[in-house]
Protein backbone atom coordinates (compact mmCIF):
# COMPACT_ATOMS: atom_id res chain seq x y z
CA UNK A 1 -47.71 -81.86 -28.65
CA UNK A 2 -48.06 -79.47 -31.56
CA UNK A 3 -48.48 -76.48 -29.21
CA UNK A 4 -45.24 -77.41 -27.45
CA UNK A 5 -43.45 -77.66 -30.75
CA UNK A 6 -44.70 -74.23 -31.94
CA UNK A 7 -43.77 -72.65 -28.56
CA UNK A 8 -40.31 -74.08 -28.82
CA UNK A 9 -39.93 -72.82 -32.36
CA UNK A 10 -41.08 -69.30 -31.37
CA UNK A 11 -38.69 -69.30 -28.48
CA UNK A 12 -35.87 -70.48 -30.74
CA UNK A 13 -36.67 -67.76 -33.27
CA UNK A 14 -37.00 -64.94 -30.62
CA UNK A 15 -34.16 -65.94 -28.43
CA UNK A 16 -31.28 -64.70 -30.59
CA UNK A 17 -33.06 -61.38 -31.28
CA UNK A 18 -33.46 -60.50 -27.62
CA UNK A 19 -29.87 -61.59 -26.96
CA UNK A 20 -28.58 -59.39 -29.66
CA UNK A 21 -30.66 -56.43 -28.35
CA UNK A 22 -29.40 -56.96 -24.85
CA UNK A 23 -25.78 -57.12 -25.97
CA UNK A 24 -26.21 -53.83 -27.75
CA UNK A 25 -27.13 -52.12 -24.48
CA UNK A 26 -24.17 -51.75 -22.18
CA UNK A 27 -24.02 -50.23 -18.76
CA UNK A 28 -22.02 -47.02 -18.45
CA UNK A 29 -19.64 -46.33 -15.63
CA UNK A 30 -22.22 -43.99 -13.94
CA UNK A 31 -24.91 -46.80 -13.95
CA UNK A 32 -26.96 -45.64 -16.97
CA UNK A 33 -27.47 -47.68 -20.12
CA UNK A 34 -25.94 -46.72 -23.36
CA UNK A 35 -25.32 -48.04 -26.89
CA UNK A 36 -22.43 -50.48 -26.95
CA UNK A 37 -19.35 -49.57 -28.94
CA UNK A 38 -19.79 -45.77 -28.44
CA UNK A 39 -18.30 -45.68 -24.92
CA UNK A 40 -19.42 -43.21 -22.18
CA UNK A 41 -21.17 -40.24 -23.53
CA UNK A 42 -19.66 -36.86 -22.53
CA UNK A 43 -21.91 -34.55 -20.63
CA UNK A 44 -22.79 -31.14 -22.15
CA UNK A 45 -20.37 -28.34 -21.23
CA UNK A 46 -23.03 -26.26 -19.74
CA UNK A 47 -24.00 -29.04 -17.35
CA UNK A 48 -20.38 -29.45 -16.17
CA UNK A 49 -19.87 -25.70 -15.71
CA UNK A 50 -23.24 -25.55 -13.75
CA UNK A 51 -22.22 -28.35 -11.50
CA UNK A 52 -18.80 -26.68 -10.88
CA UNK A 53 -20.46 -23.36 -10.16
CA UNK A 54 -22.83 -24.87 -7.67
CA UNK A 55 -19.93 -26.66 -5.91
CA UNK A 56 -17.96 -23.42 -5.76
CA UNK A 57 -20.98 -21.55 -4.34
CA UNK A 58 -21.61 -24.34 -1.79
CA UNK A 59 -17.90 -24.04 -0.68
CA UNK A 60 -18.14 -20.25 -0.31
CA UNK A 61 -21.37 -20.58 1.71
CA UNK A 62 -19.86 -23.10 4.02
CA UNK A 63 -16.78 -20.93 4.50
CA UNK A 64 -18.91 -17.88 5.16
CA UNK A 65 -20.98 -19.77 7.72
CA UNK A 66 -17.83 -20.77 9.64
CA UNK A 67 -16.11 -17.37 9.42
CA UNK A 68 -19.08 -15.07 9.27
CA UNK A 69 -17.97 -12.78 12.04
CA UNK A 70 -14.67 -12.24 10.38
CA UNK A 71 -16.34 -11.42 7.07
CA UNK A 72 -18.60 -8.93 8.87
CA UNK A 73 -15.61 -7.17 10.46
CA UNK A 74 -13.89 -7.05 7.02
CA UNK A 75 -17.01 -5.69 5.43
CA UNK A 76 -16.92 -2.62 7.56
CA UNK A 77 -13.40 -1.69 6.30
CA UNK A 78 -14.37 -2.53 2.66
CA UNK A 79 -17.38 -0.30 2.86
CA UNK A 80 -15.48 2.64 4.32
CA UNK A 81 -12.71 2.31 1.63
CA UNK A 82 -15.36 2.13 -1.12
CA UNK A 83 -17.24 5.23 0.15
CA UNK A 84 -14.27 7.44 0.83
CA UNK A 85 -11.69 6.22 -1.68
CA UNK A 86 -13.40 4.62 -4.69
CA UNK A 87 -16.69 6.35 -4.88
CA UNK A 88 -15.24 9.88 -5.09
CA UNK A 89 -13.04 8.83 -8.02
CA UNK A 90 -15.61 9.98 -10.48
CA UNK A 91 -14.44 13.50 -9.66
CA UNK A 92 -11.22 12.68 -11.63
CA UNK A 93 -13.34 13.52 -14.73
CA UNK A 94 -12.74 17.18 -13.78
CA UNK A 95 -9.20 16.91 -14.91
CA UNK A 96 -10.40 16.45 -18.49
CA UNK A 97 -13.13 19.09 -18.50
CA UNK A 98 -13.67 22.83 -18.20
CA UNK A 99 -15.77 22.89 -15.06
CA UNK A 100 -19.07 24.71 -15.14
CA UNK A 101 -20.89 25.16 -11.83
CA UNK A 102 -24.23 25.27 -13.48
CA UNK A 103 -23.72 22.08 -15.55
CA UNK A 104 -21.98 20.04 -12.85
CA UNK A 105 -19.23 17.46 -13.33
CA UNK A 106 -20.93 15.28 -15.96
CA UNK A 107 -22.41 18.19 -17.87
CA UNK A 108 -19.20 20.21 -18.19
CA UNK A 109 -17.59 20.28 -21.62
CA UNK A 110 -14.55 18.04 -22.34
CA UNK A 111 -11.24 19.67 -23.03
CA UNK A 112 -8.96 16.63 -23.09
CA UNK A 113 -5.49 17.23 -21.81
CA UNK A 114 -5.75 20.97 -21.83
CA UNK A 115 -5.49 21.27 -18.05
CA UNK A 116 -2.35 19.13 -17.97
CA UNK A 117 -0.74 21.29 -20.75
CA UNK A 118 -1.47 24.34 -18.62
CA UNK A 119 0.31 22.81 -15.65
CA UNK A 120 3.35 21.72 -17.66
CA UNK A 121 3.71 25.21 -19.15
CA UNK A 122 3.24 26.93 -15.75
CA UNK A 123 6.29 29.12 -14.82
CA UNK A 124 6.32 27.42 -11.38
CA UNK A 125 6.27 23.87 -12.68
CA UNK A 126 9.96 22.95 -12.26
CA UNK A 127 10.10 24.70 -8.91
CA UNK A 128 7.20 22.60 -7.67
CA UNK A 129 8.72 19.39 -8.96
CA UNK A 130 12.17 20.24 -7.47
CA UNK A 131 10.77 21.16 -4.06
CA UNK A 132 8.49 18.17 -3.86
CA UNK A 133 11.03 15.59 -5.01
CA UNK A 134 13.80 17.04 -2.73
CA UNK A 135 11.63 17.15 0.36
CA UNK A 136 10.47 13.59 -0.26
CA UNK A 137 13.84 12.12 -1.14
CA UNK A 138 15.75 13.88 1.73
CA UNK A 139 13.07 12.75 4.13
CA UNK A 140 13.78 9.09 3.11
CA UNK A 141 17.56 9.60 3.16
CA UNK A 142 17.66 11.12 6.63
CA UNK A 143 14.58 9.44 8.12
CA UNK A 144 14.81 5.83 6.98
CA UNK A 145 18.02 4.53 8.62
CA UNK A 146 17.75 6.00 12.15
CA UNK A 147 14.92 3.64 13.29
CA UNK A 148 16.91 0.64 11.94
CA UNK A 149 20.02 1.77 13.86
CA UNK A 150 17.97 2.45 17.11
CA UNK A 151 16.29 -0.96 16.82
CA UNK A 152 19.67 -2.72 16.40
CA UNK A 153 21.09 -0.88 19.39
CA UNK A 154 18.03 -1.54 21.65
CA UNK A 155 18.16 -5.19 20.57
CA UNK A 156 21.62 -5.39 22.20
CA UNK A 157 20.51 -3.82 25.46
CA UNK A 158 20.03 -6.30 28.36
CA UNK A 159 18.21 -3.96 30.72
CA UNK A 160 14.48 -4.36 30.07
CA UNK A 161 13.58 -1.19 32.09
CA UNK A 162 16.09 0.96 30.11
CA UNK A 163 14.79 -0.47 26.82
CA UNK A 164 11.21 0.25 27.71
CA UNK A 165 12.08 3.81 28.78
CA UNK A 166 13.88 4.57 25.54
CA UNK A 167 11.06 3.11 23.47
CA UNK A 168 8.45 5.26 25.36
CA UNK A 169 10.47 8.45 25.05
CA UNK A 170 11.03 7.95 21.32
CA UNK A 171 7.50 6.72 20.54
CA UNK A 172 5.60 9.51 22.38
CA UNK A 173 6.09 12.22 19.64
CA UNK A 174 4.17 9.96 17.21
CA UNK A 175 0.98 10.68 19.20
CA UNK A 176 1.46 14.46 19.03
CA UNK A 177 -0.62 16.08 16.27
CA UNK A 178 1.28 17.79 13.47
CA UNK A 179 -0.29 21.15 14.26
CA UNK A 180 0.93 20.91 17.89
CA UNK A 181 4.47 20.09 16.76
CA UNK A 182 4.60 22.99 14.36
CA UNK A 183 3.21 25.32 17.11
CA UNK A 184 6.08 24.15 19.42
CA UNK A 185 8.70 24.67 16.72
CA UNK A 186 7.43 28.14 15.98
CA UNK A 187 7.69 29.08 19.61
CA UNK A 188 11.14 27.52 20.03
CA UNK A 189 12.58 28.97 16.80
CA UNK A 190 10.88 32.42 16.98
CA UNK A 191 13.06 35.50 16.68
CA UNK A 192 12.70 35.94 20.55
CA UNK A 193 12.37 32.25 21.17
CA UNK A 194 14.52 29.90 23.35
CA UNK A 195 16.88 28.94 20.57
CA UNK A 196 17.64 32.51 19.45
CA UNK A 197 18.09 33.61 23.14
CA UNK A 198 20.67 30.85 23.46
CA UNK A 199 22.38 31.94 20.28
CA UNK A 200 22.48 35.52 21.41
CA UNK A 201 23.90 34.46 24.74
CA UNK A 202 26.70 32.73 22.90
CA UNK A 203 27.51 35.84 20.85
CA UNK A 204 25.55 34.93 17.71
CA UNK A 205 22.86 36.77 15.81
CA UNK A 206 19.20 35.78 16.13
CA UNK A 207 17.63 34.34 12.98
CA UNK A 208 13.98 34.11 11.85
CA UNK A 209 14.15 30.51 11.03
CA UNK A 210 10.60 30.17 9.65
CA UNK A 211 11.11 33.17 7.35
CA UNK A 212 14.33 31.88 5.79
CA UNK A 213 13.93 29.60 2.77
CA UNK A 214 17.27 27.97 3.48
CA UNK A 215 16.09 26.68 6.92
CA UNK A 216 12.77 25.20 5.78
CA UNK A 217 14.00 21.77 4.61
CA UNK A 218 16.15 21.37 7.73
CA UNK A 219 13.27 22.07 10.11
CA UNK A 220 10.82 19.91 8.03
CA UNK A 221 13.08 16.85 7.82
CA UNK A 222 14.49 17.16 11.37
CA UNK A 223 11.08 17.38 12.97
CA UNK A 224 9.93 14.48 10.84
CA UNK A 225 12.75 12.20 11.90
CA UNK A 226 12.10 13.11 15.65
CA UNK A 227 8.40 12.42 15.29
CA UNK A 228 8.55 9.12 13.34
CA UNK A 229 11.68 7.35 14.73
CA UNK A 230 9.86 5.65 17.64
CA UNK A 231 7.08 4.15 15.51
CA UNK A 232 9.36 2.58 12.93
CA UNK A 233 11.65 1.30 15.65
CA UNK A 234 8.83 -0.71 17.17
CA UNK A 235 8.16 -2.39 13.84
CA UNK A 236 11.85 -3.38 13.51
CA UNK A 237 12.01 -4.58 17.10
CA UNK A 238 8.97 -6.74 16.55
CA UNK A 239 10.77 -8.23 13.55
CA UNK A 240 13.96 -8.85 15.56
CA UNK A 241 11.96 -10.57 18.34
CA UNK A 242 10.96 -13.30 15.76
CA UNK A 243 14.48 -14.43 15.19
CA UNK A 244 15.24 -17.85 16.62
CA UNK A 245 17.63 -17.48 19.62
CA UNK A 246 19.23 -20.71 18.78
CA UNK A 247 20.86 -19.02 15.80
CA UNK A 248 22.64 -16.62 18.09
CA UNK A 249 23.66 -19.42 20.50
CA UNK A 250 25.02 -21.51 17.65
CA UNK A 251 27.04 -18.53 16.26
CA UNK A 252 28.45 -17.91 19.79
CA UNK A 253 29.61 -21.57 19.92
CA UNK A 254 31.24 -21.05 16.52
CA UNK A 255 33.11 -18.03 17.87
CA UNK A 256 31.14 -15.26 16.16
CA UNK A 257 31.25 -11.79 17.62
CA UNK A 258 28.50 -9.17 17.92
CA UNK A 259 29.31 -7.59 14.62
CA UNK A 260 29.33 -10.94 12.78
CA UNK A 261 26.01 -11.91 14.35
CA UNK A 262 24.49 -8.58 13.29
CA UNK A 263 25.79 -8.99 9.78
CA UNK A 264 24.92 -12.59 9.18
CA UNK A 265 21.89 -13.20 11.37
CA UNK A 266 20.10 -9.97 12.36
CA UNK A 267 20.29 -7.93 9.10
CA UNK A 268 19.22 -10.84 6.76
CA UNK A 269 16.16 -11.45 8.88
CA UNK A 270 15.42 -7.69 8.99
CA UNK A 271 15.78 -7.22 5.28
CA UNK A 272 12.24 -8.15 4.14
CA UNK A 273 10.72 -5.66 6.60
CA UNK A 274 13.20 -2.99 5.59
CA UNK A 275 12.25 -3.47 1.88
CA UNK A 276 8.55 -3.26 2.49
CA UNK A 277 8.85 -0.03 4.49
CA UNK A 278 11.24 1.38 1.90
CA UNK A 279 8.76 0.63 -0.88
CA UNK A 280 5.91 2.26 1.03
CA UNK A 281 8.16 5.28 1.79
CA UNK A 282 8.78 5.91 -1.85
CA UNK A 283 5.27 7.16 -2.24
CA UNK A 284 6.38 10.12 -0.15
CA UNK A 285 8.92 11.18 -2.67
CA UNK A 286 6.29 12.90 -4.80
CA UNK A 287 3.37 12.77 -2.42
CA UNK A 288 4.79 15.03 0.31
CA UNK A 289 2.40 15.55 3.26
CA UNK A 290 0.27 18.68 2.69
CA UNK A 291 -0.64 19.50 6.30
CA UNK A 292 2.91 19.95 7.59
CA UNK A 293 4.07 22.01 4.71
CA UNK A 294 0.98 24.13 4.78
CA UNK A 295 1.46 24.90 8.53
CA UNK A 296 5.15 25.68 8.06
CA UNK A 297 5.43 27.65 4.82
CA UNK A 298 4.69 31.27 3.97
CA UNK A 299 5.17 33.46 0.84
CA UNK A 300 8.70 34.24 2.05
CA UNK A 301 9.69 30.52 1.82
CA UNK A 302 7.80 29.59 -1.44
CA UNK A 303 11.24 29.12 -3.14
CA UNK A 304 12.03 25.99 -1.19
CA UNK A 305 8.66 25.16 0.51
CA UNK A 306 6.02 25.34 -2.15
CA UNK A 307 5.14 21.82 -3.30
CA UNK A 308 2.50 20.31 -5.63
CA UNK A 309 -0.05 19.77 -2.88
CA UNK A 310 0.09 23.32 -1.63
CA UNK A 311 -0.02 24.60 -5.18
CA UNK A 312 -3.21 22.55 -5.82
CA UNK A 313 -4.69 23.98 -2.58
CA UNK A 314 -4.16 27.57 -3.57
CA UNK A 315 -5.43 27.00 -7.13
CA UNK A 316 -8.47 24.76 -6.47
CA UNK A 317 -9.78 25.92 -3.11
CA UNK A 318 -8.58 29.52 -2.96
CA UNK A 319 -8.57 30.28 -6.63
CA UNK A 320 -11.69 28.22 -7.71
CA UNK A 321 -9.87 26.51 -10.58
CA UNK A 322 -11.25 23.04 -9.69
CA UNK A 323 -10.52 21.39 -13.02
CA UNK A 324 -6.94 22.66 -13.13
CA UNK A 325 -6.38 21.60 -9.57
CA UNK A 326 -7.81 18.15 -10.21
CA UNK A 327 -5.45 17.70 -13.18
CA UNK A 328 -2.41 18.58 -11.11
CA UNK A 329 -3.51 16.30 -8.26
CA UNK A 330 -4.15 13.46 -10.73
CA UNK A 331 -0.59 13.96 -12.17
CA UNK A 332 0.82 13.80 -8.66
CA UNK A 333 -1.02 10.54 -7.89
CA UNK A 334 0.08 8.79 -11.10
CA UNK A 335 3.75 9.76 -10.60
CA UNK A 336 3.55 8.44 -7.03
CA UNK A 337 2.18 5.08 -8.32
CA UNK A 338 4.87 4.88 -11.01
CA UNK A 339 7.58 5.53 -8.30
CA UNK A 340 6.18 2.83 -5.96
CA UNK A 341 5.87 0.20 -8.81
CA UNK A 342 9.44 0.97 -10.06
CA UNK A 343 11.05 0.67 -6.58
CA UNK A 344 9.05 -2.53 -5.97
CA UNK A 345 10.44 -4.12 -9.22
CA UNK A 346 13.98 -2.88 -8.31
CA UNK A 347 13.82 -4.32 -4.85
CA UNK A 348 12.52 -7.73 -6.13
CA UNK A 349 15.42 -8.00 -8.61
CA UNK A 350 18.19 -6.75 -6.22
CA UNK A 351 17.17 -8.39 -2.93
CA UNK A 352 14.45 -10.87 -3.85
CA UNK A 353 11.95 -9.19 -1.45
CA UNK A 354 9.07 -6.96 -2.58
CA UNK A 355 5.66 -5.72 -1.59
CA UNK A 356 3.89 -7.81 -4.21
């Protein structure tokens, strides 16, 4: 009887203590126990970041497993661009150095912007800028709109055979190498060539077209339009094929004519593609193709034909002034980038369409 009374007293004394201890321990939302009144304890930031990083890595790994062949195909292009476009960029250091063959690129002494100053003070600087900008600008002015016009005209043709024939004829010059085209032009426009024979037969005087500075830009731009019109036309025709035919059918029901359909349906759908190609073409304003100019020009036509790229070739490769030539080439690339960015911003503000 005494033992039962003592046990009861001990239980009565210990009961509230255990109860108070149990009430102090509360279960968190994640199932773990924590002190009551403090709420759920926040995990350390490093733990959260680590969990997010692992989740992101798992996502990338699963995506790579599903699309591994596409990633492998893309890797080939990335490697080629890195090897031939990014890796050689360390050579840009030459523009700021006085190159020494024995010391190499990294060991040559720094001269800062001295090479750029030499170029800006060169007596042919403004002639080079004028010829380069004029050739690039006139090439866009005379070469940009003919493919658009040809695509609009072909889009109205109902004969599939005739349309394919025109596309083939205009597209074939794109596959002819520039050196072949220049060879053909020199044969046709030679002093005793076909063109001069025809001029003489009509009572005119033969002209040495490739020796006259005034004819250089006409030949350069005209041959460029002839060679490139077919390729650009295909791009615009592909864009036109994506227009919903129901738009034309609805406009016909509303009484719209061909001109109105072209203005309110065709041209608005073509505008994004036009702006992208225009932005990409602006690079050519200052970055005129070297190969074609080099094959066409001669000392007799330097006044209108000599551009920055040919000037760099003569200085760097023929004259051995590698640092000076690198500085001029870097200047040309930076100006081309500025042109493209400026035209992209202008196109986005005016039309709402841009490259990026």
